[in-house]
C-alpha atoms as a PDB file:
ATOM      1  CA  PRO A   1      19.053  -3.236  21.987  1.00  0.00           C
ATOM      2  CA  TYR A   2      18.609  -5.134  18.775  1.00  0.00           C
ATOM      3  CA  TYR A   3      21.374  -7.576  17.876  1.00  0.00           C
ATOM      4  CA  VAL A   4      22.324  -8.213  14.246  1.00  0.00           C
ATOM      5  CA  ASP A   5      25.264  -9.671  12.374  1.00  0.00           C
ATOM      6  CA  LEU A   6      27.426  -7.564  10.094  1.00  0.00           C
ATOM      7  CA  ASN A   7      25.908  -7.075   6.628  1.00  0.00           C
ATOM      8  CA  GLN A   8      22.538  -8.373   7.808  1.00  0.00           C
ATOM      9  CA  ASN A   9      19.631  -6.329   6.498  1.00  0.00           C
ATOM     10  CA  LEU A  10      18.090  -4.263   9.258  1.00  0.00           C
ATOM     11  CA  PHE A  11      14.479  -3.202   8.690  1.00  0.00           C
ATOM     12  CA  LEU A  12      12.985  -0.236  10.526  1.00  0.00           C
ATOM     13  CA  GLN A  13       9.557   1.318  10.682  1.00  0.00           C
ATOM     14  CA  ALA A  14       8.428   4.645  12.105  1.00  0.00           C
ATOM     15  CA  SER A  15       4.740   5.174  12.794  1.00  0.00           C
ATOM     16  CA  LEU A  16       2.802   8.331  13.478  1.00  0.00           C
ATOM     17  CA  HIS A  17      -0.172   7.809  15.761  1.00  0.00           C
ATOM     18  CA  SER A  18      -2.755  10.507  15.096  1.00  0.00           C
ATOM     19  CA  SER A  19      -6.482  10.744  14.547  1.00  0.00           C
ATOM     20  CA  ASP A  20      -5.757  12.977  11.531  1.00  0.00           C
ATOM     21  CA  THR A  21      -5.742  10.627   8.530  1.00  0.00           C
ATOM     22  CA  ASN A  22      -4.439  13.306   6.140  1.00  0.00           C
ATOM     23  CA  LEU A  23      -0.855  13.196   7.388  1.00  0.00           C
ATOM     24  CA  LEU A  24       2.253  11.768   5.757  1.00  0.00           C
ATOM     25  CA  VAL A  25       5.574  10.683   7.313  1.00  0.00           C
ATOM     26  CA  PHE A  26       8.870  11.252   5.480  1.00  0.00           C
ATOM     27  CA  VAL A  27      12.358  10.079   6.547  1.00  0.00           C
ATOM     28  CA  ASP A  28      14.562  13.135   6.152  1.00  0.00           C
ATOM     29  CA  THR A  29      17.806  12.212   7.926  1.00  0.00           C
ATOM     30  CA  CYS A  30      19.288   9.164   9.681  1.00  0.00           C
ATOM     31  CA  VAL A  31      22.758   9.258  11.187  1.00  0.00           C
ATOM     32  CA  ALA A  32      24.617   6.487  13.036  1.00  0.00           C
ATOM     33  CA  SER A  33      27.151   6.923  15.822  1.00  0.00           C
ATOM     34  CA  PRO A  34      29.045   4.645  18.214  1.00  0.00           C
ATOM     35  CA  ASP A  35      28.205   7.127  21.002  1.00  0.00           C
ATOM     36  CA  PRO A  36      24.524   7.596  21.933  1.00  0.00           C
ATOM     37  CA  THR A  37      25.213  11.135  23.174  1.00  0.00           C
ATOM     38  CA  ASP A  38      27.392  12.403  20.302  1.00  0.00           C
ATOM     39  CA  PHE A  39      26.074  12.515  16.746  1.00  0.00           C
ATOM     40  CA  THR A  40      28.633  15.022  15.466  1.00  0.00           C
ATOM     41  CA  THR A  41      32.158  13.647  16.110  1.00  0.00           C
ATOM     42  CA  GLN A  42      32.246  10.151  14.616  1.00  0.00           C
ATOM     43  CA  THR A  43      29.157   9.534  12.498  1.00  0.00           C
ATOM     44  CA  TYR A  44      27.956   7.688   9.454  1.00  0.00           C
ATOM     45  CA  GLU A  45      25.133   9.109   7.337  1.00  0.00           C
ATOM     46  CA  LEU A  46      22.505   6.760   5.951  1.00  0.00           C
ATOM     47  CA  ILE A  47      20.280   9.526   4.564  1.00  0.00           C
ATOM     48  CA  ARG A  48      20.620  13.317   4.845  1.00  0.00           C
ATOM     49  CA  ASN A  49      18.006  15.867   3.710  1.00  0.00           C
ATOM     50  CA  GLY A  50      16.194  13.056   1.898  1.00  0.00           C
ATOM     51  CA  CYS A  51      19.347  12.169  -0.074  1.00  0.00           C
ATOM     52  CA  ILE A  52      20.529   8.576   0.288  1.00  0.00           C
ATOM     53  CA  LYS A  53      24.166   8.456   1.437  1.00  0.00           C
ATOM     54  CA  ASP A  54      24.547   4.717   2.066  1.00  0.00           C
ATOM     55  CA  PRO A  55      24.239   2.430  -0.978  1.00  0.00           C
ATOM     56  CA  THR A  56      22.469  -0.241   1.098  1.00  0.00           C
ATOM     57  CA  TYR A  57      19.750   2.158   2.309  1.00  0.00           C
ATOM     58  CA  SER A  58      16.357   1.476   0.803  1.00  0.00           C
ATOM     59  CA  SER A  59      12.881   2.835   1.477  1.00  0.00           C
ATOM     60  CA  HIS A  60      10.003   0.380   1.338  1.00  0.00           C
ATOM     61  CA  TYR A  61       6.362   0.539   0.410  1.00  0.00           C
ATOM     62  CA  SER A  62       3.885   1.104   3.217  1.00  0.00           C
ATOM     63  CA  PRO A  63       0.115   0.794   2.820  1.00  0.00           C
ATOM     64  CA  HIS A  64      -0.301   3.693   5.267  1.00  0.00           C
ATOM     65  CA  ASN A  65       0.856   7.299   4.816  1.00  0.00           C
ATOM     66  CA  THR A  66       1.610   7.541   8.520  1.00  0.00           C
ATOM     67  CA  VAL A  67       4.186   4.725   8.394  1.00  0.00           C
ATOM     68  CA  ALA A  68       7.699   5.070   6.976  1.00  0.00           C
ATOM     69  CA  ARG A  69       9.641   1.867   6.279  1.00  0.00           C
ATOM     70  CA  PHE A  70      13.308   1.572   5.383  1.00  0.00           C
ATOM     71  CA  SER A  71      16.272  -0.779   5.635  1.00  0.00           C
ATOM     72  CA  PHE A  72      20.066  -0.876   5.408  1.00  0.00           C
ATOM     73  CA  ASN A  73      22.887  -3.351   5.946  1.00  0.00           C
ATOM     74  CA  ALA A  74      24.189  -3.544   9.507  1.00  0.00           C
ATOM     75  CA  PHE A  75      27.748  -2.231   9.791  1.00  0.00           C
ATOM     76  CA  SER A  76      30.467  -1.576  12.322  1.00  0.00           C
ATOM     77  CA  PHE A  77      32.571   1.518  12.878  1.00  0.00           C
ATOM     78  CA  VAL A  78      36.277   1.117  12.099  1.00  0.00           C
ATOM     79  CA  ASN A  79      37.301   0.966  15.769  1.00  0.00           C
ATOM     80  CA  ARG A  80      34.923  -1.986  16.258  1.00  0.00           C
ATOM     81  CA  TYR A  81      32.586  -0.434  18.769  1.00  0.00           C
ATOM     82  CA  LEU A  82      30.152  -2.953  20.199  1.00  0.00           C
ATOM     83  CA  SER A  83      27.098  -0.804  19.490  1.00  0.00           C
ATOM     84  CA  VAL A  84      25.850   1.522  16.799  1.00  0.00           C
ATOM     85  CA  TYR A  85      23.162   4.080  17.654  1.00  0.00           C
ATOM     86  CA  LEU A  86      20.771   5.721  15.208  1.00  0.00           C
ATOM     87  CA  ARG A  87      19.265   9.174  15.272  1.00  0.00           C
ATOM     88  CA  CYS A  88      16.598   9.787  12.653  1.00  0.00           C
ATOM     89  CA  GLU A  89      14.674  12.927  11.812  1.00  0.00           C
ATOM     90  CA  LEU A  90      11.246  12.489  10.292  1.00  0.00           C
ATOM     91  CA  VAL A  91       8.965  15.108   8.817  1.00  0.00           C
ATOM     92  CA  VAL A  92       5.181  15.109   9.087  1.00  0.00           C
ATOM     93  CA  CYS A  93       3.255  16.820   6.289  1.00  0.00           C
ATOM     94  CA  ARG A  94      -0.256  17.091   4.961  1.00  0.00           C
ATOM     95  CA  TYR A  95      -1.084  14.337   2.496  1.00  0.00           C
ATOM     96  CA  ASN A  96      -1.234  15.667  -1.097  1.00  0.00           C
ATOM     97  CA  ASP A  97       0.444  18.973  -0.147  1.00  0.00           C
ATOM     98  CA  TYR A  98       2.959  18.796  -2.971  1.00  0.00           C
ATOM     99  CA  SER A  99       4.728  21.972  -1.846  1.00  0.00           C
ATOM    100  CA  SER A 100       5.594  20.383   1.527  1.00  0.00           C
ATOM    101  CA  ARG A 101       8.977  18.939   2.494  1.00  0.00           C
ATOM    102  CA  CYS A 102       7.631  15.378   2.247  1.00  0.00           C
ATOM    103  CA  TYR A 103       7.142  15.662  -1.512  1.00  0.00           C
ATOM    104  CA  GLN A 104      10.475  17.363  -2.297  1.00  0.00           C
ATOM    105  CA  GLY A 105      12.598  14.210  -1.926  1.00  0.00           C
ATOM    106  CA  CYS A 106      16.357  14.765  -1.972  1.00  0.00           C
ATOM    107  CA  VAL A 107      17.227  18.377  -1.205  1.00  0.00           C
ATOM    108  CA  SER A 108      20.844  19.414  -1.502  1.00  0.00           C
ATOM    109  CA  ARG A 109      21.157  22.543   0.528  1.00  0.00           C
ATOM    110  CA  SER A 110      23.711  25.024  -0.700  1.00  0.00           C
ATOM    111  CA  LYS A 111      25.881  26.890   1.771  1.00  0.00           C
ATOM    112  CA  ARG A 112      25.332  30.595   2.197  1.00  0.00           C
ATOM    113  CA  ASP A 113      27.906  33.061   1.015  1.00  0.00           C
ATOM    114  CA  THR A 114      29.563  34.557   4.117  1.00  0.00           C
ATOM    115  CA  SER A 115      31.431  37.321   2.308  1.00  0.00           C
ATOM    116  CA  SER A 116      30.291  40.911   2.788  1.00  0.00           C
END
């Protein structure tokens, strides 16, 4: 566990360890939950499909393509749970492959029409 005060900036870093130097890491989705086994019932979205949902979320410069850095303000769920758990989804792409997911940024996915 990592202990922080409310509204304290929390900095995170995700690193890809690979001998392939032409890879890039992209933070696609990060969701918080008070329950480490349930990320669907009571959740809070920091970023979803590359779209920032929390106004305190910020991505930070990294000198390496294989490292993603970001931060947000620590928060508490309304019921004052003692812990908040994060689940993040990262995407690995080829560096300079501008058609890849890593270079698309925020993608708002439209729902499919379920009529006939």
